[in-house]
């Protein structure tokens, strides 16, 4: 699995944190992203124990953006080594990236301080905060899986 971002650092006890994230297409070919803690990200997050990656993706997109999605299919994945302040832990995040369609809004995000943001695909490549999110979005565009 490719590593994107900072390398593993000796002396740090990393915990594995699997996650599912989405490149979610919507009206006029725009992508559903999420603004959180001064960062623009693909919607998604950690997979809970006993939960499938696809179920986690549906849950996380709903919690973070308020949108219902359909037809998720795995595009790629990557790992990154990072500190997660809300859990006060160092993690090896293993991130599965899916393509999906936004179907309809269901309500407001239930996660505090999360706001849905719609972006043009190339704008997302330029402005997403996580290098792996930018890489996956660029990959989807170059493979013709989303229109830019």
C-alpha atoms as a PDB file:
ATOM      1  CA  UNK A   1       0.000   0.000   0.000  1.00  0.00           C
ATOM      2  CA  UNK A   2       1.382   3.399  -0.875  1.00  0.00           C
ATOM      3  CA  UNK A   3       2.275   5.876   1.829  1.00  0.00           C
ATOM      4  CA  UNK A   4       1.344   9.485   1.312  1.00  0.00           C
ATOM      5  CA  UNK A   5       2.624  12.250   3.544  1.00  0.00           C
ATOM      6  CA  UNK A   6       4.949  12.003   6.500  1.00  0.00           C
ATOM      7  CA  UNK A   7       6.987   8.807   6.881  1.00  0.00           C
ATOM      8  CA  UNK A   8       6.814   6.482   9.880  1.00  0.00           C
ATOM      9  CA  UNK A   9       8.907   7.952  12.700  1.00  0.00           C
ATOM     10  CA  UNK A  10      10.939   5.670  14.981  1.00  0.00           C
ATOM     11  CA  UNK A  11      10.050   5.785  18.653  1.00  0.00           C
ATOM     12  CA  UNK A  12       6.366   6.574  18.115  1.00  0.00           C
ATOM     13  CA  UNK A  13       3.787   3.914  18.949  1.00  0.00           C
ATOM     14  CA  UNK A  14       1.306   4.163  16.062  1.00  0.00           C
ATOM     15  CA  UNK A  15      -2.116   2.538  16.307  1.00  0.00           C
ATOM     16  CA  UNK A  16      -3.808   1.312  13.132  1.00  0.00           C
ATOM     17  CA  UNK A  17      -6.899   3.351  12.287  1.00  0.00           C
ATOM     18  CA  UNK A  18      -8.762   2.044   9.212  1.00  0.00           C
ATOM     19  CA  UNK A  19     -11.096   4.482   7.517  1.00  0.00           C
ATOM     20  CA  UNK A  20     -13.419   4.905   4.535  1.00  0.00           C
ATOM     21  CA  UNK A  21     -13.620   8.176   2.590  1.00  0.00           C
ATOM     22  CA  UNK A  22     -15.583   9.239  -0.465  1.00  0.00           C
ATOM     23  CA  UNK A  23     -15.160  11.152  -3.661  1.00  0.00           C
ATOM     24  CA  UNK A  24     -18.843  11.989  -3.882  1.00  0.00           C
ATOM     25  CA  UNK A  25     -20.217  13.419  -7.139  1.00  0.00           C
ATOM     26  CA  UNK A  26     -23.276  15.603  -7.185  1.00  0.00           C
ATOM     27  CA  UNK A  27     -25.090  18.253  -9.182  1.00  0.00           C
ATOM     28  CA  UNK A  28     -23.205  19.682 -12.161  1.00  0.00           C
ATOM     29  CA  UNK A  29     -20.277  17.318 -11.586  1.00  0.00           C
ATOM     30  CA  UNK A  30     -19.237  18.989  -8.363  1.00  0.00           C
ATOM     31  CA  UNK A  31     -17.730  17.054  -5.459  1.00  0.00           C
ATOM     32  CA  UNK A  32     -19.113  16.928  -1.934  1.00  0.00           C
ATOM     33  CA  UNK A  33     -16.360  17.823   0.514  1.00  0.00           C
ATOM     34  CA  UNK A  34     -16.432  18.747   4.178  1.00  0.00           C
ATOM     35  CA  UNK A  35     -14.982  21.717   6.053  1.00  0.00           C
ATOM     36  CA  UNK A  36     -13.813  20.645   9.501  1.00  0.00           C
ATOM     37  CA  UNK A  37     -11.381  22.180  11.988  1.00  0.00           C
ATOM     38  CA  UNK A  38      -9.940  24.607   9.435  1.00  0.00           C
ATOM     39  CA  UNK A  39      -9.389  21.815   6.917  1.00  0.00           C
ATOM     40  CA  UNK A  40     -11.127  20.895   3.688  1.00  0.00           C
ATOM     41  CA  UNK A  41     -11.390  17.099   3.386  1.00  0.00           C
ATOM     42  CA  UNK A  42     -13.143  14.281   1.604  1.00  0.00           C
ATOM     43  CA  UNK A  43     -16.036  13.129   3.792  1.00  0.00           C
ATOM     44  CA  UNK A  44     -15.397   9.960   5.724  1.00  0.00           C
ATOM     45  CA  UNK A  45     -13.730   8.648   8.809  1.00  0.00           C
ATOM     46  CA  UNK A  46     -12.885   5.702  10.984  1.00  0.00           C
ATOM     47  CA  UNK A  47     -14.410   2.281  10.614  1.00  0.00           C
ATOM     48  CA  UNK A  48     -15.963   1.160  13.894  1.00  0.00           C
ATOM     49  CA  UNK A  49     -15.311  -2.380  15.216  1.00  0.00           C
ATOM     50  CA  UNK A  50     -17.589  -4.854  13.415  1.00  0.00           C
ATOM     51  CA  UNK A  51     -18.544  -2.300  10.745  1.00  0.00           C
ATOM     52  CA  UNK A  52     -17.857  -2.790   7.025  1.00  0.00           C
ATOM     53  CA  UNK A  53     -15.982  -0.053   5.128  1.00  0.00           C
ATOM     54  CA  UNK A  54     -19.042   0.661   2.941  1.00  0.00           C
ATOM     55  CA  UNK A  55     -21.332   0.980   5.972  1.00  0.00           C
ATOM     56  CA  UNK A  56     -18.777   3.301   7.606  1.00  0.00           C
ATOM     57  CA  UNK A  57     -18.679   5.432   4.458  1.00  0.00           C
ATOM     58  CA  UNK A  58     -22.481   5.829   4.392  1.00  0.00           C
ATOM     59  CA  UNK A  59     -22.543   6.660   8.118  1.00  0.00           C
ATOM     60  CA  UNK A  60     -19.639   9.105   8.013  1.00  0.00           C
ATOM     61  CA  UNK A  61     -20.920  10.988   4.940  1.00  0.00           C
ATOM     62  CA  UNK A  62     -24.336  11.342   6.598  1.00  0.00           C
ATOM     63  CA  UNK A  63     -22.831  12.480   9.917  1.00  0.00           C
ATOM     64  CA  UNK A  64     -20.412  14.974   8.356  1.00  0.00           C
ATOM     65  CA  UNK A  65     -22.471  16.390   5.469  1.00  0.00           C
ATOM     66  CA  UNK A  66     -26.115  15.354   5.975  1.00  0.00           C
ATOM     67  CA  UNK A  67     -26.195  13.709   2.521  1.00  0.00           C
ATOM     68  CA  UNK A  68     -27.355  10.240   1.486  1.00  0.00           C
ATOM     69  CA  UNK A  69     -25.067   8.521  -1.032  1.00  0.00           C
ATOM     70  CA  UNK A  70     -25.401   5.591  -3.429  1.00  0.00           C
ATOM     71  CA  UNK A  71     -23.357   3.183  -5.535  1.00  0.00           C
ATOM     72  CA  UNK A  72     -20.039   3.317  -3.667  1.00  0.00           C
ATOM     73  CA  UNK A  73     -17.191   1.481  -5.344  1.00  0.00           C
ATOM     74  CA  UNK A  74     -13.603   1.331  -4.166  1.00  0.00           C
ATOM     75  CA  UNK A  75     -11.136   3.425  -6.137  1.00  0.00           C
ATOM     76  CA  UNK A  76      -7.864   3.277  -4.217  1.00  0.00           C
ATOM     77  CA  UNK A  77      -6.298   3.406  -0.808  1.00  0.00           C
ATOM     78  CA  UNK A  78      -3.279   4.751   0.979  1.00  0.00           C
ATOM     79  CA  UNK A  79      -1.705   4.929   4.386  1.00  0.00           C
ATOM     80  CA  UNK A  80      -0.480   7.948   6.256  1.00  0.00           C
ATOM     81  CA  UNK A  81       1.195   8.449   9.603  1.00  0.00           C
ATOM     82  CA  UNK A  82      -0.283  11.275  11.646  1.00  0.00           C
ATOM     83  CA  UNK A  83      -1.284  12.540  15.049  1.00  0.00           C
ATOM     84  CA  UNK A  84      -5.043  12.607  15.729  1.00  0.00           C
ATOM     85  CA  UNK A  85      -5.611  15.311  18.368  1.00  0.00           C
ATOM     86  CA  UNK A  86      -9.260  14.443  19.106  1.00  0.00           C
ATOM     87  CA  UNK A  87      -8.121  10.957  20.196  1.00  0.00           C
ATOM     88  CA  UNK A  88      -4.721  12.069  21.548  1.00  0.00           C
ATOM     89  CA  UNK A  89      -2.977   9.326  19.596  1.00  0.00           C
ATOM     90  CA  UNK A  90      -0.497   8.711  16.822  1.00  0.00           C
ATOM     91  CA  UNK A  91      -2.020   6.622  14.051  1.00  0.00           C
ATOM     92  CA  UNK A  92      -1.246   4.768  10.895  1.00  0.00           C
ATOM     93  CA  UNK A  93      -4.400   5.733   9.033  1.00  0.00           C
ATOM     94  CA  UNK A  94      -5.248   3.169   6.370  1.00  0.00           C
ATOM     95  CA  UNK A  95      -7.675   5.049   4.157  1.00  0.00           C
ATOM     96  CA  UNK A  96      -9.887   3.329   1.574  1.00  0.00           C
ATOM     97  CA  UNK A  97     -11.211   5.799  -0.998  1.00  0.00           C
ATOM     98  CA  UNK A  98     -14.550   5.150  -2.697  1.00  0.00           C
ATOM     99  CA  UNK A  99     -16.408   6.799  -5.567  1.00  0.00           C
ATOM    100  CA  UNK A 100     -20.114   7.401  -4.926  1.00  0.00           C
ATOM    101  CA  UNK A 101     -23.024   9.629  -5.928  1.00  0.00           C
ATOM    102  CA  UNK A 102     -24.814  12.122  -3.708  1.00  0.00           C
ATOM    103  CA  UNK A 103     -28.533  11.285  -3.818  1.00  0.00           C
ATOM    104  CA  UNK A 104     -30.259  13.812  -1.580  1.00  0.00           C
ATOM    105  CA  UNK A 105     -29.741  15.854   1.552  1.00  0.00           C
ATOM    106  CA  UNK A 106     -31.185  14.183   4.637  1.00  0.00           C
ATOM    107  CA  UNK A 107     -30.624  17.012   7.095  1.00  0.00           C
ATOM    108  CA  UNK A 108     -27.897  19.046   8.702  1.00  0.00           C
ATOM    109  CA  UNK A 109     -24.596  17.404   9.647  1.00  0.00           C
ATOM    110  CA  UNK A 110     -24.729  15.889  13.130  1.00  0.00           C
ATOM    111  CA  UNK A 111     -20.978  16.161  13.688  1.00  0.00           C
ATOM    112  CA  UNK A 112     -20.197  19.476  15.383  1.00  0.00           C
ATOM    113  CA  UNK A 113     -18.238  21.991  13.332  1.00  0.00           C
ATOM    114  CA  UNK A 114     -18.647  20.115  10.024  1.00  0.00           C
ATOM    115  CA  UNK A 115     -20.027  21.873   6.938  1.00  0.00           C
ATOM    116  CA  UNK A 116     -20.652  20.427   3.469  1.00  0.00           C
ATOM    117  CA  UNK A 117     -18.843  22.209   0.644  1.00  0.00           C
ATOM    118  CA  UNK A 118     -19.349  21.603  -3.096  1.00  0.00           C
ATOM    119  CA  UNK A 119     -16.258  22.006  -5.275  1.00  0.00           C
ATOM    120  CA  UNK A 120     -15.287  21.671  -8.904  1.00  0.00           C
ATOM    121  CA  UNK A 121     -13.061  18.539  -9.161  1.00  0.00           C
ATOM    122  CA  UNK A 122      -9.875  20.412 -10.119  1.00  0.00           C
ATOM    123  CA  UNK A 123     -10.577  22.973  -7.398  1.00  0.00           C
ATOM    124  CA  UNK A 124     -10.757  20.047  -4.948  1.00  0.00           C
ATOM    125  CA  UNK A 125      -7.380  18.747  -6.194  1.00  0.00           C
ATOM    126  CA  UNK A 126      -5.878  22.167  -5.484  1.00  0.00           C
ATOM    127  CA  UNK A 127      -7.522  22.868  -2.118  1.00  0.00           C
ATOM    128  CA  UNK A 128      -8.111  19.625  -0.188  1.00  0.00           C
ATOM    129  CA  UNK A 129      -5.979  19.667   2.956  1.00  0.00           C
ATOM    130  CA  UNK A 130      -4.954  15.982   2.964  1.00  0.00           C
ATOM    131  CA  UNK A 131      -2.374  15.074   0.326  1.00  0.00           C
ATOM    132  CA  UNK A 132      -3.927  11.609  -0.131  1.00  0.00           C
ATOM    133  CA  UNK A 133      -7.365  13.154  -0.775  1.00  0.00           C
ATOM    134  CA  UNK A 134      -5.831  15.335  -3.508  1.00  0.00           C
ATOM    135  CA  UNK A 135      -4.016  12.322  -4.976  1.00  0.00           C
ATOM    136  CA  UNK A 136      -7.177  10.163  -5.081  1.00  0.00           C
ATOM    137  CA  UNK A 137      -9.270  12.952  -6.614  1.00  0.00           C
ATOM    138  CA  UNK A 138      -6.627  13.597  -9.285  1.00  0.00           C
ATOM    139  CA  UNK A 139      -6.546   9.838 -10.005  1.00  0.00           C
ATOM    140  CA  UNK A 140     -10.347   9.749 -10.468  1.00  0.00           C
ATOM    141  CA  UNK A 141     -10.195  12.683 -12.882  1.00  0.00           C
ATOM    142  CA  UNK A 142      -7.296  11.271 -14.926  1.00  0.00           C
ATOM    143  CA  UNK A 143      -8.997   7.860 -15.186  1.00  0.00           C
ATOM    144  CA  UNK A 144     -12.150   9.562 -16.490  1.00  0.00           C
ATOM    145  CA  UNK A 145     -14.213   8.354 -13.523  1.00  0.00           C
ATOM    146  CA  UNK A 146     -15.377  11.882 -12.715  1.00  0.00           C
ATOM    147  CA  UNK A 147     -15.728  14.830 -15.057  1.00  0.00           C
ATOM    148  CA  UNK A 148     -13.575  17.858 -14.516  1.00  0.00           C
END
